[in-house]
N, C-alpha and C. Protein backbone atom coordinates (compact mmCIF):
# COMPACT_ATOMS: atom_id res chain seq x y z
N MET A 1 32.67 11.15 42.79
CA MET A 1 33.62 11.02 41.71
C MET A 1 34.11 12.41 41.36
N PRO A 2 35.39 12.68 41.51
CA PRO A 2 35.90 14.00 41.14
C PRO A 2 35.95 14.15 39.62
N ILE A 3 35.55 15.33 39.17
CA ILE A 3 35.67 15.63 37.74
C ILE A 3 36.27 17.02 37.59
N ALA A 4 36.89 17.25 36.47
CA ALA A 4 37.51 18.55 36.19
C ALA A 4 36.44 19.52 35.71
N TRP A 5 36.71 20.80 35.86
CA TRP A 5 35.76 21.82 35.42
C TRP A 5 35.41 21.66 33.95
N ASP A 6 36.42 21.33 33.13
CA ASP A 6 36.15 21.22 31.70
C ASP A 6 35.35 19.97 31.33
N GLU A 7 35.12 19.07 32.28
CA GLU A 7 34.30 17.89 32.03
C GLU A 7 32.82 18.11 32.35
N LEU A 8 32.51 19.21 33.00
CA LEU A 8 31.13 19.44 33.44
C LEU A 8 30.13 19.47 32.30
N THR A 9 30.53 20.00 31.17
CA THR A 9 29.59 20.08 30.05
C THR A 9 29.22 18.70 29.51
N ASP A 10 30.11 17.72 29.69
CA ASP A 10 29.85 16.35 29.22
C ASP A 10 29.16 15.48 30.27
N ALA A 11 29.11 15.94 31.51
CA ALA A 11 28.50 15.14 32.57
C ALA A 11 26.98 15.10 32.38
N ARG A 12 26.44 13.90 32.39
CA ARG A 12 24.99 13.73 32.22
C ARG A 12 24.25 13.96 33.54
N ALA A 13 24.78 13.37 34.61
CA ALA A 13 24.15 13.48 35.93
C ALA A 13 25.18 13.11 36.99
N ALA A 14 24.94 13.51 38.21
CA ALA A 14 25.87 13.21 39.30
C ALA A 14 25.98 11.72 39.56
N ASP A 15 24.94 10.99 39.23
CA ASP A 15 24.96 9.55 39.51
C ASP A 15 25.32 8.71 38.28
N GLN A 16 25.94 9.32 37.27
CA GLN A 16 26.29 8.55 36.09
C GLN A 16 27.44 7.58 36.36
N TRP A 17 28.24 7.84 37.39
CA TRP A 17 29.30 6.92 37.76
C TRP A 17 28.84 6.07 38.94
N THR A 18 29.06 4.79 38.80
CA THR A 18 28.65 3.84 39.84
C THR A 18 29.87 3.04 40.27
N ILE A 19 29.69 2.21 41.25
CA ILE A 19 30.77 1.34 41.69
C ILE A 19 31.20 0.41 40.56
N LYS A 20 30.29 0.14 39.65
CA LYS A 20 30.61 -0.74 38.52
C LYS A 20 31.45 -0.07 37.45
N ASN A 21 31.30 1.23 37.24
CA ASN A 21 32.04 1.88 36.17
C ASN A 21 33.08 2.92 36.64
N ALA A 22 33.21 3.10 37.93
CA ALA A 22 34.16 4.09 38.46
C ALA A 22 35.60 3.75 38.10
N ALA A 23 35.99 2.50 38.24
CA ALA A 23 37.38 2.11 37.93
C ALA A 23 37.69 2.33 36.46
N GLN A 24 36.75 2.07 35.60
CA GLN A 24 36.94 2.29 34.16
C GLN A 24 37.18 3.77 33.89
N ARG A 25 36.42 4.63 34.54
CA ARG A 25 36.61 6.07 34.36
C ARG A 25 37.99 6.49 34.84
N ILE A 26 38.39 6.08 36.03
CA ILE A 26 39.70 6.45 36.58
C ILE A 26 40.82 5.97 35.66
N ASP A 27 40.70 4.76 35.16
CA ASP A 27 41.72 4.20 34.27
C ASP A 27 41.81 4.97 32.94
N SER A 28 40.73 5.61 32.53
CA SER A 28 40.72 6.31 31.25
C SER A 28 41.33 7.71 31.34
N LEU A 29 41.58 8.21 32.52
CA LEU A 29 42.11 9.56 32.71
C LEU A 29 43.62 9.60 32.53
N ARG A 30 44.14 10.72 32.09
CA ARG A 30 45.58 10.89 31.91
C ARG A 30 46.30 11.12 33.24
N SER A 31 45.61 11.69 34.20
CA SER A 31 46.21 11.93 35.52
C SER A 31 45.17 11.66 36.59
N SER A 32 45.64 11.57 37.81
CA SER A 32 44.76 11.27 38.93
C SER A 32 43.78 12.43 39.17
N PRO A 33 42.50 12.12 39.31
CA PRO A 33 41.54 13.20 39.59
C PRO A 33 41.73 13.78 41.01
N TRP A 34 42.49 13.10 41.83
CA TRP A 34 42.74 13.56 43.20
C TRP A 34 44.02 14.37 43.30
N GLU A 35 44.71 14.59 42.18
CA GLU A 35 45.96 15.34 42.18
C GLU A 35 45.75 16.72 42.82
N GLY A 36 46.54 17.03 43.82
CA GLY A 36 46.47 18.32 44.50
C GLY A 36 45.40 18.43 45.57
N TYR A 37 44.55 17.45 45.69
CA TYR A 37 43.44 17.51 46.66
C TYR A 37 43.94 17.74 48.08
N HIS A 38 44.94 16.99 48.49
CA HIS A 38 45.43 17.07 49.86
C HIS A 38 46.26 18.32 50.12
N ARG A 39 46.67 19.01 49.07
CA ARG A 39 47.44 20.25 49.24
C ARG A 39 46.55 21.47 49.31
N THR A 40 45.27 21.32 49.02
CA THR A 40 44.35 22.45 49.04
C THR A 40 44.02 22.82 50.48
N ARG A 41 44.34 24.03 50.84
CA ARG A 41 44.06 24.50 52.21
C ARG A 41 42.68 25.16 52.23
N GLN A 42 41.86 24.72 53.16
CA GLN A 42 40.53 25.27 53.30
C GLN A 42 40.25 25.48 54.77
N GLY A 43 39.35 26.35 55.05
CA GLY A 43 38.98 26.60 56.42
C GLY A 43 37.50 26.90 56.54
N ILE A 44 37.02 26.77 57.76
CA ILE A 44 35.61 27.08 58.03
C ILE A 44 35.61 28.35 58.87
N THR A 45 34.96 29.36 58.37
CA THR A 45 34.93 30.64 59.07
C THR A 45 33.88 30.61 60.17
N ALA A 46 33.97 31.59 61.06
CA ALA A 46 32.99 31.70 62.14
C ALA A 46 31.58 31.89 61.55
N ALA A 47 31.47 32.66 60.48
CA ALA A 47 30.16 32.88 59.85
C ALA A 47 29.60 31.58 59.29
N MET A 48 30.45 30.76 58.73
CA MET A 48 29.99 29.46 58.21
C MET A 48 29.48 28.58 59.35
N ARG A 49 30.22 28.57 60.44
CA ARG A 49 29.80 27.76 61.60
C ARG A 49 28.43 28.22 62.13
N ARG A 50 28.29 29.53 62.24
CA ARG A 50 27.01 30.07 62.72
C ARG A 50 25.87 29.70 61.77
N ALA A 51 26.13 29.73 60.48
CA ALA A 51 25.10 29.45 59.48
C ALA A 51 24.53 28.04 59.61
N VAL A 52 25.32 27.13 60.14
CA VAL A 52 24.84 25.75 60.31
C VAL A 52 24.59 25.39 61.77
N GLY A 53 24.56 26.42 62.62
CA GLY A 53 24.19 26.19 64.01
C GLY A 53 25.31 25.71 64.92
N LEU A 54 26.56 25.89 64.50
CA LEU A 54 27.70 25.52 65.35
C LEU A 54 28.25 26.75 66.03
N LYS A 55 28.98 26.54 67.12
CA LYS A 55 29.60 27.66 67.82
C LYS A 55 30.80 28.18 67.08
């Protein structure tokens, strides 16, 4: 479940959202929690690959 940085102080635990209450949470938000997700460019560096045993 994506949450905004400013929501972290109110979060009780990572598992507080379940399949039963996830839709209620999404419906209560003013905007999509996934807004901008697909536009975020990320990459895996060679050092990161080595750290997990990949070439």
